[in-house]
Protein backbone atom coordinates (compact mmCIF):
# COMPACT_ATOMS: atom_id res chain seq x y z
CA UNK A 1 108.92 105.96 109.81
CA UNK A 2 106.72 108.93 110.78
CA UNK A 3 107.72 110.94 107.71
CA UNK A 4 107.15 107.94 105.45
CA UNK A 5 103.68 107.52 106.97
CA UNK A 6 102.84 111.20 106.46
CA UNK A 7 104.08 111.15 102.88
CA UNK A 8 102.21 107.97 101.93
CA UNK A 9 98.97 109.04 103.59
CA UNK A 10 98.91 112.47 101.96
CA UNK A 11 100.05 111.10 98.60
CA UNK A 12 97.25 108.55 98.73
CA UNK A 13 94.69 111.17 99.78
CA UNK A 14 95.70 113.67 97.09
CA UNK A 15 95.87 110.98 94.39
CA UNK A 16 92.36 109.79 95.26
CA UNK A 17 91.14 113.39 95.29
CA UNK A 18 92.49 114.08 91.81
CA UNK A 19 91.12 110.74 90.58
CA UNK A 20 87.62 111.59 91.79
CA UNK A 21 87.81 115.11 90.32
CA UNK A 22 88.98 113.79 86.95
CA UNK A 23 86.34 111.04 87.00
CA UNK A 24 83.56 113.52 87.74
CA UNK A 25 84.75 115.74 84.89
CA UNK A 26 84.95 112.83 82.44
CA UNK A 27 81.64 111.27 83.38
CA UNK A 28 79.94 114.65 83.45
CA UNK A 29 81.11 115.61 79.98
CA UNK A 30 80.28 112.13 78.65
CA UNK A 31 76.75 112.23 80.02
CA UNK A 32 76.25 115.78 78.79
CA UNK A 33 77.32 115.14 75.21
CA UNK A 34 75.24 111.97 74.95
CA UNK A 35 72.29 114.03 76.22
CA UNK A 36 73.09 116.84 73.78
CA UNK A 37 73.44 114.46 70.85
CA UNK A 38 70.11 112.78 71.58
CA UNK A 39 68.29 116.06 72.16
CA UNK A 40 69.22 117.59 68.79
CA UNK A 41 66.23 118.30 66.55
CA UNK A 42 66.17 118.74 62.78
CA UNK A 43 64.50 122.04 61.90
CA UNK A 44 63.94 124.09 58.79
CA UNK A 45 66.52 126.75 58.02
CA UNK A 46 69.52 125.04 59.60
CA UNK A 47 72.90 125.58 57.91
CA UNK A 48 74.09 122.99 55.42
CA UNK A 49 75.58 119.93 57.10
CA UNK A 50 73.92 120.54 60.47
CA UNK A 51 72.29 117.41 61.82
CA UNK A 52 70.16 119.33 64.29
CA UNK A 53 70.22 121.93 67.02
CA UNK A 54 69.04 122.37 70.58
CA UNK A 55 68.28 125.30 72.84
CA UNK A 56 69.37 125.04 76.46
CA UNK A 57 69.26 127.29 79.49
CA UNK A 58 71.76 127.24 82.34
CA UNK A 59 73.32 129.69 84.74
CA UNK A 60 71.02 132.53 83.75
CA UNK A 61 71.81 132.35 80.04
CA UNK A 62 70.56 130.64 76.87
CA UNK A 63 72.71 128.40 74.69
CA UNK A 64 72.09 127.48 71.06
CA UNK A 65 73.88 124.23 70.24
CA UNK A 66 74.30 122.87 66.71
CA UNK A 67 75.95 119.66 65.52
CA UNK A 68 77.56 119.27 62.11
CA UNK A 69 77.26 115.74 60.79
CA UNK A 70 80.86 115.76 59.56
CA UNK A 71 82.40 119.21 60.01
CA UNK A 72 81.63 122.83 59.14
CA UNK A 73 82.88 124.21 55.83
CA UNK A 74 85.23 126.52 57.66
CA UNK A 75 87.18 125.51 60.73
CA UNK A 76 86.46 127.75 63.73
CA UNK A 77 89.36 129.66 65.21
CA UNK A 78 88.85 128.27 68.70
CA UNK A 79 88.03 124.59 69.10
CA UNK A 80 87.64 122.88 72.49
CA UNK A 81 88.76 119.27 72.78
CA UNK A 82 87.63 116.88 75.50
CA UNK A 83 90.16 114.21 76.35
CA UNK A 84 92.32 115.18 79.32
CA UNK A 85 89.47 114.31 81.68
CA UNK A 86 89.63 110.71 80.44
CA UNK A 87 93.42 110.53 80.45
CA UNK A 88 93.72 111.98 83.96
CA UNK A 89 91.11 109.55 85.27
CA UNK A 90 93.01 106.59 83.84
CA UNK A 91 96.46 107.73 84.94
CA UNK A 92 95.39 108.43 88.52
CA UNK A 93 93.28 105.26 88.64
CA UNK A 94 96.11 103.07 87.40
CA UNK A 95 98.45 104.73 89.90
CA UNK A 96 96.04 103.78 92.69
CA UNK A 97 95.86 100.24 91.33
CA UNK A 98 99.64 99.98 91.50
CA UNK A 99 99.96 101.62 94.91
CA UNK A 100 97.31 99.54 96.63
CA UNK A 101 96.81 96.30 94.75
CA UNK A 102 100.14 95.70 93.05
CA UNK A 103 102.36 96.87 95.90
CA UNK A 104 100.30 94.79 98.35
CA UNK A 105 99.27 92.01 95.99
CA UNK A 106 99.54 89.19 98.51
CA UNK A 107 97.07 90.99 100.76
CA UNK A 108 94.52 92.48 98.36
CA UNK A 109 94.93 90.68 95.04
CA UNK A 110 95.69 87.10 96.08
CA UNK A 111 93.37 84.66 97.79
CA UNK A 112 95.23 81.38 98.30
CA UNK A 113 91.94 79.53 98.81
CA UNK A 114 91.06 80.53 95.23
CA UNK A 115 94.47 80.13 93.58
CA UNK A 116 97.76 79.62 95.41
CA UNK A 117 100.03 82.08 93.63
CA UNK A 118 102.60 84.66 94.67
CA UNK A 119 102.01 88.38 94.62
CA UNK A 120 104.35 88.81 91.65
CA UNK A 121 102.46 86.21 89.63
CA UNK A 122 99.15 87.88 90.55
CA UNK A 123 100.42 91.24 89.30
CA UNK A 124 101.62 89.66 86.05
CA UNK A 125 98.25 87.98 85.55
CA UNK A 126 96.49 91.27 86.29
CA UNK A 127 98.48 93.24 83.74
CA UNK A 128 98.12 90.43 81.21
CA UNK A 129 94.38 90.32 81.84
CA UNK A 130 94.05 94.03 81.15
CA UNK A 131 96.03 93.81 77.90
CA UNK A 132 94.32 90.65 76.66
CA UNK A 133 90.88 91.86 77.68
CA UNK A 134 91.29 95.11 75.80
CA UNK A 135 92.59 93.29 72.72
CA UNK A 136 89.50 91.07 72.72
CA UNK A 137 87.18 94.07 73.06
CA UNK A 138 88.98 95.94 70.29
CA UNK A 139 88.89 92.85 68.09
CA UNK A 140 85.13 92.53 68.56
CA UNK A 141 84.59 96.18 67.65
CA UNK A 142 86.71 95.92 64.50
CA UNK A 143 85.19 92.61 63.41
CA UNK A 144 82.09 92.35 61.18
CA UNK A 145 80.15 92.13 64.45
CA UNK A 146 80.99 95.79 65.04
CA UNK A 147 78.62 96.81 62.24
CA UNK A 148 75.64 95.65 64.29
CA UNK A 149 75.38 97.61 67.55
CA UNK A 150 72.83 95.26 69.15
CA UNK A 151 74.80 92.12 68.35
CA UNK A 152 78.05 93.73 69.46
CA UNK A 153 76.44 94.80 72.72
CA UNK A 154 75.15 91.29 73.42
CA UNK A 155 78.50 89.64 72.72
CA UNK A 156 80.30 92.34 74.70
CA UNK A 157 78.04 91.66 77.67
CA UNK A 158 78.78 87.93 77.50
CA UNK A 159 82.50 88.68 77.27
CA UNK A 160 82.40 90.82 80.43
CA UNK A 161 80.42 88.17 82.30
CA UNK A 162 82.95 85.53 81.26
CA UNK A 163 85.81 87.84 82.30
CA UNK A 164 84.16 88.42 85.69
CA UNK A 165 83.82 84.67 86.22
CA UNK A 166 87.42 84.07 85.15
CA UNK A 167 88.84 86.77 87.40
CA UNK A 168 87.05 85.28 90.43
CA UNK A 169 88.88 82.03 89.69
CA UNK A 170 92.26 83.76 89.81
CA UNK A 171 92.07 86.66 92.27
CA UNK A 172 90.41 87.42 95.57
CA UNK A 173 86.84 88.68 95.32
CA UNK A 174 88.04 92.21 96.01
CA UNK A 175 90.81 91.84 93.46
CA UNK A 176 88.50 90.35 90.82
CA UNK A 177 86.10 93.30 91.05
CA UNK A 178 88.92 95.82 90.80
CA UNK A 179 90.48 93.91 87.90
CA UNK A 180 87.22 93.94 85.94
CA UNK A 181 86.70 97.62 86.74
CA UNK A 182 90.23 98.37 85.56
CA UNK A 183 89.61 96.39 82.36
CA UNK A 184 86.44 98.32 81.57
CA UNK A 185 88.12 101.61 82.47
CA UNK A 186 91.08 100.76 80.23
CA UNK A 187 88.75 100.02 77.32
CA UNK A 188 86.86 103.25 77.92
CA UNK A 189 89.93 105.47 77.95
CA UNK A 190 91.38 103.57 74.98
CA UNK A 191 88.19 104.40 73.08
CA UNK A 192 88.99 108.05 73.67
CA UNK A 193 92.72 107.80 72.99
CA UNK A 194 92.71 105.44 69.97
CA UNK A 195 89.36 106.02 68.26
CA UNK A 196 87.40 109.12 69.28
CA UNK A 197 90.18 111.73 69.42
CA UNK A 198 92.28 110.38 66.48
CA UNK A 199 89.17 110.23 64.28
CA UNK A 200 88.29 113.79 65.21
CA UNK A 201 91.81 114.90 64.36
CA UNK A 202 91.57 113.17 60.98
CA UNK A 203 88.32 115.01 60.31
CA UNK A 204 89.95 118.35 61.19
CA UNK A 205 93.01 117.55 59.06
CA UNK A 206 90.86 116.66 56.05
CA UNK A 207 88.85 119.84 56.46
CA UNK A 208 91.95 122.02 56.62
CA UNK A 209 93.22 120.30 53.47
CA UNK A 210 90.03 121.18 51.65
CA UNK A 211 88.90 117.55 51.54
CA UNK A 212 85.59 115.99 52.54
CA UNK A 213 86.03 114.06 55.80
CA UNK A 214 85.03 110.41 55.87
CA UNK A 215 81.66 110.09 57.68
CA UNK A 216 82.75 106.65 58.92
CA UNK A 217 85.23 108.33 61.23
CA UNK A 218 82.49 110.15 63.11
CA UNK A 219 80.30 107.06 63.17
CA UNK A 220 83.04 104.95 64.76
CA UNK A 221 83.72 107.63 67.36
CA UNK A 222 80.03 107.85 68.18
CA UNK A 223 79.81 104.08 68.65
CA UNK A 224 82.69 104.05 71.14
CA UNK A 225 81.21 107.06 72.94
CA UNK A 226 77.93 105.17 73.38
CA UNK A 227 79.87 102.18 74.75
CA UNK A 228 81.47 104.44 77.33
CA UNK A 229 78.08 105.86 78.22
CA UNK A 230 76.57 102.47 79.01
CA UNK A 231 79.66 101.20 80.87
CA UNK A 232 80.03 104.16 83.21
CA UNK A 233 77.63 103.09 85.97
CA UNK A 234 78.95 99.51 86.24
CA UNK A 235 82.56 100.65 86.39
CA UNK A 236 81.75 103.08 89.21
CA UNK A 237 80.12 100.23 91.14
CA UNK A 238 83.19 98.05 90.67
CA UNK A 239 85.58 100.77 91.76
CA UNK A 240 83.76 101.49 95.03
CA UNK A 241 82.96 97.83 95.71
CA UNK A 242 86.18 97.25 97.66
CA UNK A 243 84.49 98.95 100.62
CA UNK A 244 81.53 96.55 100.58
CA UNK A 245 82.42 92.87 101.15
CA UNK A 246 78.80 91.72 100.79
CA UNK A 247 79.27 92.26 97.05
CA UNK A 248 82.76 90.95 96.31
CA UNK A 249 82.83 88.45 99.19
CA UNK A 250 79.81 86.50 97.98
CA UNK A 251 80.44 83.18 96.25
CA UNK A 252 78.05 84.48 93.60
CA UNK A 253 80.09 87.65 93.08
CA UNK A 254 80.44 87.17 89.32
CA UNK A 255 76.65 86.85 88.99
CA UNK A 256 76.30 90.06 91.00
CA UNK A 257 78.59 91.76 88.46
CA UNK A 258 76.42 90.43 85.62
CA UNK A 259 73.33 91.95 87.19
CA UNK A 260 75.12 95.26 87.78
CA UNK A 261 75.96 95.39 84.07
CA UNK A 262 72.25 94.99 83.28
CA UNK A 263 71.28 97.65 85.82
CA UNK A 264 73.75 100.10 84.30
CA UNK A 265 72.36 99.50 80.81
CA UNK A 266 68.68 99.87 81.72
CA UNK A 267 69.22 103.03 83.76
CA UNK A 268 71.18 104.69 80.97
CA UNK A 269 68.53 103.49 78.50
CA UNK A 270 65.86 105.29 80.53
CA UNK A 271 67.72 108.61 80.44
CA UNK A 272 68.88 108.26 76.84
CA UNK A 273 65.34 107.63 75.62
CA UNK A 274 64.11 110.66 77.54
CA UNK A 275 66.87 112.86 76.14
CA UNK A 276 65.92 111.75 72.64
CA UNK A 277 62.38 112.99 73.18
CA UNK A 278 60.86 109.52 73.12
CA UNK A 279 58.53 108.14 75.83
CA UNK A 280 60.53 107.31 78.92
CA UNK A 281 60.67 103.52 79.53
CA UNK A 282 59.64 103.51 83.18
CA UNK A 283 59.79 99.72 83.21
CA UNK A 284 63.58 100.02 83.42
CA UNK A 285 63.34 101.08 87.06
CA UNK A 286 61.32 97.97 87.84
CA UNK A 287 64.01 95.84 86.22
CA UNK A 288 66.73 97.70 88.17
CA UNK A 289 64.85 97.25 91.47
CA UNK A 290 64.36 93.54 90.80
CA UNK A 291 68.03 93.10 89.98
CA UNK A 292 69.07 94.90 93.19
CA UNK A 293 66.74 92.67 95.22
CA UNK A 294 68.35 89.60 93.63
CA UNK A 295 71.81 90.99 94.38
CA UNK A 296 70.96 91.52 98.04
CA UNK A 297 69.55 87.98 98.21
CA UNK A 298 72.63 86.49 96.54
CA UNK A 299 74.87 88.27 99.05
CA UNK A 300 73.22 86.37 101.90
CA UNK A 301 73.36 82.88 100.42
CA UNK A 302 76.09 80.74 101.91
CA UNK A 303 77.02 83.34 104.53
CA UNK A 304 76.79 83.37 108.31
CA UNK A 305 74.16 86.11 108.30
CA UNK A 306 71.13 83.86 108.68
CA UNK A 307 72.79 81.56 111.23
CA UNK A 308 73.84 84.54 113.33
CA UNK A 309 70.34 85.99 113.43
CA UNK A 310 69.76 84.48 116.89
CA UNK A 311 72.14 84.68 119.87
CA UNK A 312 74.12 81.61 120.81
CA UNK A 313 72.79 79.39 123.57
CA UNK A 314 76.03 79.95 125.45
CA UNK A 315 76.99 83.63 125.88
CA UNK A 316 80.41 84.57 124.58
CA UNK A 317 82.78 86.39 126.90
CA UNK A 318 84.32 89.55 125.52
CA UNK A 319 87.76 88.32 126.57
CA UNK A 320 87.45 85.56 123.97
CA UNK A 321 86.63 88.08 121.27
CA UNK A 322 89.48 90.37 122.29
CA UNK A 323 91.96 87.49 122.21
CA UNK A 324 90.85 86.54 118.69
CA UNK A 325 91.03 90.09 117.36
CA UNK A 326 94.39 90.70 118.98
CA UNK A 327 95.86 87.48 117.59
CA UNK A 328 94.41 87.63 114.07
CA UNK A 329 93.64 91.27 113.25
CA UNK A 330 95.74 93.70 115.28
CA UNK A 331 98.97 93.19 113.33
CA UNK A 332 97.40 95.36 110.61
CA UNK A 333 94.61 97.14 112.48
CA UNK A 334 96.84 98.86 115.01
CA UNK A 335 98.01 102.42 115.37
CA UNK A 336 101.43 101.19 114.28
CA UNK A 337 100.90 98.06 112.12
CA UNK A 338 103.58 95.40 112.25
CA UNK A 339 102.61 93.60 109.05
CA UNK A 340 105.17 94.15 106.31
CA UNK A 341 103.98 96.62 103.68
CA UNK A 342 101.24 98.09 105.89
CA UNK A 343 102.20 101.57 107.07
CA UNK A 344 98.86 102.67 108.51
CA UNK A 345 95.77 100.72 109.62
CA UNK A 346 93.59 99.85 106.57
CA UNK A 347 90.68 102.30 106.23
CA UNK A 348 91.79 103.84 109.53
CA UNK A 349 90.28 100.93 111.49
CA UNK A 350 92.17 100.37 114.74
CA UNK A 351 91.32 97.30 116.86
CA UNK A 352 93.68 97.64 119.80
CA UNK A 353 91.29 98.37 122.65
CA UNK A 354 87.96 97.04 123.97
CA UNK A 355 86.16 100.23 122.96
CA UNK A 356 87.51 100.16 119.40
CA UNK A 357 86.63 96.48 118.99
CA UNK A 358 83.04 97.11 120.10
CA UNK A 359 82.85 100.20 117.90
CA UNK A 360 83.73 98.10 114.85
CA UNK A 361 81.62 95.07 115.78
CA UNK A 362 79.51 95.29 112.63
CA UNK A 363 82.56 95.54 110.40
CA UNK A 364 84.25 92.62 112.16
CA UNK A 365 81.15 90.48 111.62
CA UNK A 366 80.74 91.43 107.96
CA UNK A 367 84.41 91.07 107.09
CA UNK A 368 85.50 88.09 109.18
CA UNK A 369 82.30 86.09 109.53
CA UNK A 370 79.57 86.86 106.98
CA UNK A 371 81.81 87.20 103.92
CA UNK A 372 85.09 85.75 105.22
CA UNK A 373 86.92 88.43 103.27
CA UNK A 374 89.14 89.04 106.29
CA UNK A 375 91.84 88.15 107.01
CA UNK A 376 92.78 88.93 103.40
CA UNK A 377 94.91 86.86 101.09
CA UNK A 378 92.84 83.76 101.70
CA UNK A 379 93.10 83.90 105.52
CA UNK A 380 96.69 85.11 105.89
CA UNK A 381 96.59 85.01 109.70
CA UNK A 382 94.90 81.59 109.86
CA UNK A 383 91.67 82.60 111.58
CA UNK A 384 89.99 79.23 112.34
CA UNK A 385 86.30 78.51 111.81
CA UNK A 386 85.66 78.04 115.51
CA UNK A 387 86.92 81.57 116.17
CA UNK A 388 84.65 82.91 113.44
CA UNK A 389 81.74 81.17 115.17
CA UNK A 390 82.66 82.87 118.44
CA UNK A 391 82.68 86.25 116.68
CA UNK A 392 79.30 85.47 115.10
CA UNK A 393 77.76 84.52 118.44
CA UNK A 394 79.20 87.66 120.06
CA UNK A 395 77.73 89.91 117.40
CA UNK A 396 74.35 88.12 117.46
CA UNK A 397 74.25 88.65 121.23
CA UNK A 398 74.54 92.41 120.82
CA UNK A 399 78.36 92.66 120.84
CA UNK A 400 78.67 93.13 124.61
CA UNK A 401 81.85 94.53 126.14
CA UNK A 402 83.72 93.62 129.27
């Protein structure tokens, strides 16, 4: 048991570490090349086929960057490819999805108050959703709609909003957010694996054969690269959202996702316009701030936050709170959890003593009362409403101890 715990904890830690490293590398290179592409300037005297160049300074040195519209006449001896960052991010991310959400589907993926299904069915629906969702996205890009970037973007946005709404009707709020994030991440890495890199290889192959590469190959790769650029910020939000129940636990969670998609677009639009040398659209920050304000407001509607603002008329004894936590929470949140499939307390939260319960009073209120995201799985341990009211009154009264 101890060795299994050590192995799983370190495996999880190291897998997350590699996932973050790979994600930083992928996002960093993506942002940089979009910036570089937009900052290129057409000047007199550039070699034939060069779209533009840019001078940059970094690390005490100067860099002169040039972009060939199709490819140079002669292939350079050393050519750097950028794709393993994307592949490593996907592989480690999908491994985390399997380890946490698929292996514990009845806890994290299922909410029986949303849809009464088994963990195995939830996993099947999740995998099917990823495959079907990507096929729809790919179909949109390859359809006549794909020739109009603005129209494709609008329809793609509506598709993601519809997917977000649909996932919240099948999975738990936490699971729905992760599912949508996984869908977007899958589409992004597929853009690299099936469009961007293959098209670049075709261009190189044509050049080596003495042929003129098809400009459409580069155009298609650029389109998918731009898609990845605008989807990066929303997918990061979705992937870290599992730590913040005010987002996924709201009954308006799919609307929150819709607003996050808009925020991601306007923020990237601000930077992309600046990189292109055009006037920076400062209005985008106003839009982003307004959207965030709406998100915060939506997270409070229909929750116990407002009703718990004032202490209860009748003080709650700590013994009542401790009995509730012990009966409904401690089977997972203990130093040695007894719930099947849980080896260590989730997020390291242990609720087996008066001090630890008081220490996590805010988290107990947010998870079990305000958002009702705990107990997971649609109230697996049958925490009744009257007990939630006791917890709310205790927290509103300052979470006193014994």
